[in-house]
Structures are given as structure tokens and as C-alpha cells.
C-alpha atoms as a PDB file:
ATOM      1  CA  MET A   1       5.147  14.043   0.723  1.00  0.00           C
ATOM      2  CA  ARG A   2       3.918  11.928  -2.121  1.00  0.00           C
ATOM      3  CA  ILE A   3       4.703   8.071  -2.291  1.00  0.00           C
ATOM      4  CA  ALA A   4       4.029   6.114  -4.936  1.00  0.00           C
ATOM      5  CA  ILE A   5       1.916   3.197  -4.700  1.00  0.00           C
ATOM      6  CA  ALA A   6       2.195  -0.579  -6.853  1.00  0.00           C
ATOM      7  CA  ALA A   7      -0.251  -2.976  -6.001  1.00  0.00           C
ATOM      8  CA  PHE A   8      -0.730  -7.110  -7.200  1.00  0.00           C
ATOM      9  CA  ALA A   9      -3.178  -9.827  -8.241  1.00  0.00           C
ATOM     10  CA  GLY A  10      -6.508  -8.734  -7.250  1.00  0.00           C
ATOM     11  CA  LEU A  11      -5.768  -5.911  -4.951  1.00  0.00           C
ATOM     12  CA  ARG A  12      -3.897  -4.148  -8.832  1.00  0.00           C
ATOM     13  CA  GLU A  13      -7.388  -4.649 -10.104  1.00  0.00           C
ATOM     14  CA  ILE A  14      -9.070  -2.352  -6.689  1.00  0.00           C
ATOM     15  CA  LEU A  15      -6.907   0.149  -7.339  1.00  0.00           C
ATOM     16  CA  GLY A  16      -7.945   0.150 -10.907  1.00  0.00           C
ATOM     17  CA  SER A  17      -3.958   0.203 -11.991  1.00  0.00           C
ATOM     18  CA  THR A  18      -0.634   1.160 -10.947  1.00  0.00           C
ATOM     19  CA  PRO A  19       1.415   3.080  -9.854  1.00  0.00           C
ATOM     20  CA  VAL A  20      -1.637   5.876  -7.673  1.00  0.00           C
ATOM     21  CA  GLN A  21       0.808   8.414  -6.574  1.00  0.00           C
ATOM     22  CA  LEU A  22      -0.772   9.072  -3.329  1.00  0.00           C
ATOM     23  CA  ASP A  23      -0.951  12.218  -1.363  1.00  0.00           C
ATOM     24  CA  LEU A  24       0.277  12.032   2.673  1.00  0.00           C
ATOM     25  CA  PRO A  25       1.344  14.069   5.426  1.00  0.00           C
ATOM     26  CA  ASP A  26       4.829  14.464   6.270  1.00  0.00           C
ATOM     27  CA  GLY A  27       5.551  11.365   9.353  1.00  0.00           C
ATOM     28  CA  ALA A  28       2.899   9.654   8.337  1.00  0.00           C
ATOM     29  CA  SER A  29       3.407   5.338   7.978  1.00  0.00           C
ATOM     30  CA  ALA A  30       2.925   2.869   5.837  1.00  0.00           C
ATOM     31  CA  GLY A  31      -0.613   2.051   8.161  1.00  0.00           C
ATOM     32  CA  ASP A  32      -1.530   5.664   7.128  1.00  0.00           C
ATOM     33  CA  ALA A  33      -0.879   5.389   3.263  1.00  0.00           C
ATOM     34  CA  TRP A  34      -3.520   1.339   4.001  1.00  0.00           C
ATOM     35  CA  SER A  35      -5.862   3.735   5.482  1.00  0.00           C
ATOM     36  CA  ALA A  36      -6.138   6.293   2.954  1.00  0.00           C
ATOM     37  CA  LEU A  37      -6.467   3.822   0.282  1.00  0.00           C
ATOM     38  CA  GLU A  38      -8.858   2.344   2.299  1.00  0.00           C
ATOM     39  CA  THR A  39     -10.819   5.173   2.215  1.00  0.00           C
ATOM     40  CA  ARG A  40     -10.187   5.951  -1.512  1.00  0.00           C
ATOM     41  CA  HIS A  41     -11.073   2.026  -2.196  1.00  0.00           C
ATOM     42  CA  PRO A  42     -13.733   0.769  -0.024  1.00  0.00           C
ATOM     43  CA  ALA A  43     -12.663  -2.861  -1.398  1.00  0.00           C
ATOM     44  CA  LEU A  44     -10.162  -3.134   0.620  1.00  0.00           C
ATOM     45  CA  SER A  45     -12.464  -3.238   3.714  1.00  0.00           C
ATOM     46  CA  GLY A  46     -11.048  -6.314   4.894  1.00  0.00           C
ATOM     47  CA  LEU A  47      -8.185  -6.970   3.457  1.00  0.00           C
ATOM     48  CA  ALA A  48      -4.988  -5.363   5.313  1.00  0.00           C
ATOM     49  CA  ALA A  49      -4.481  -8.344   8.011  1.00  0.00           C
ATOM     50  CA  SER A  50      -3.760 -10.280   4.733  1.00  0.00           C
ATOM     51  CA  THR A  51      -1.886  -7.847   2.956  1.00  0.00           C
ATOM     52  CA  ARG A  52       1.614  -7.280   2.969  1.00  0.00           C
ATOM     53  CA  LEU A  53       3.765  -4.065   2.411  1.00  0.00           C
ATOM     54  CA  ALA A  54       6.755  -3.466   0.909  1.00  0.00           C
ATOM     55  CA  CYS A  55       8.038   0.124   0.904  1.00  0.00           C
ATOM     56  CA  ASN A  56      11.692   0.988  -1.565  1.00  0.00           C
ATOM     57  CA  GLY A  57      11.800  -3.403  -2.184  1.00  0.00           C
ATOM     58  CA  ARG A  58      12.005  -3.920   1.059  1.00  0.00           C
ATOM     59  CA  VAL A  59       8.863  -5.594   3.739  1.00  0.00           C
ATOM     60  CA  ALA A  60       7.973  -2.891   5.700  1.00  0.00           C
ATOM     61  CA  SER A  61       6.137  -3.231   9.216  1.00  0.00           C
ATOM     62  CA  ARG A  62       2.617  -0.808   9.316  1.00  0.00           C
ATOM     63  CA  SER A  63       4.223   1.928  11.665  1.00  0.00           C
ATOM     64  CA  GLU A  64       7.248   2.541   9.476  1.00  0.00           C
ATOM     65  CA  THR A  65       7.698   5.704   8.636  1.00  0.00           C
ATOM     66  CA  LEU A  66       7.343   6.617   5.029  1.00  0.00           C
ATOM     67  CA  ARG A  67       9.018   9.581   3.180  1.00  0.00           C
ATOM     68  CA  ASP A  68       8.975  11.461  -0.175  1.00  0.00           C
ATOM     69  CA  GLY A  69       9.369   9.252  -3.334  1.00  0.00           C
ATOM     70  CA  ASP A  70       8.812   5.740  -1.625  1.00  0.00           C
ATOM     71  CA  GLU A  71       7.489   2.964  -3.599  1.00  0.00           C
ATOM     72  CA  LEU A  72       5.140   1.712  -1.092  1.00  0.00           C
ATOM     73  CA  ALA A  73       4.006  -1.841  -2.350  1.00  0.00           C
ATOM     74  CA  LEU A  74       1.159  -3.968  -1.697  1.00  0.00           C
ATOM     75  CA  LEU A  75       1.446  -7.326  -1.377  1.00  0.00           C
ATOM     76  CA  PRO A  76      -1.573 -10.203  -1.362  1.00  0.00           C
ATOM     77  CA  PRO A  77      -0.981 -13.625   0.085  1.00  0.00           C
ATOM     78  CA  VAL A  78       0.505 -16.064  -2.662  1.00  0.00           C
ATOM     79  CA  GLY A  79      -0.740 -19.696  -2.705  1.00  0.00           C
ATOM     80  CA  GLY A  80       0.430 -22.804  -4.507  1.00  0.00           C
ATOM     81  CA  GLY A  81       2.721 -25.814  -4.864  1.00  0.00           C
END
């Protein structure tokens, strides 16, 4: 299956540009997608705990199963007042 990856702020800089197309086996989870991205972009290593994921516009757990055509967004921590 193929999914699209959207990333924001510093995460976008690490990926280079988004959306990124990512091919995964059927039944892959959001966590599997993150692992595949870490393999391609080692600078993501160590950022998993502070990065939230959203699938098709809603917050997703790393165990959520993805489907062909999904968009997975990588959301960095937000600060400010």
C-alpha cells in the first residue's frame, strides 16, 4: 500500500519536503510507518516520544492500522502562550 506523509516545522525540514510517498506492506500500522521513516531519515531517531501522529485529519495511535491512500501527518510539539 502507499500512504502520504505530511510533516510540519522541524520535522518537515528533516524529511526535505512533504508530502512524501511511503510504500508499506498491507496491514502496516502508523508505528510501522514511523519506523520506516526513521530508517530513511535517521535524524528522526529520538523524536518519536514528542511527535504526535494524525491519520486523515484525526489523532492516531501508533498501533492504528493504515490503509492504502491514507495521509499520515507528523505533528511536532507546540509551544507558546
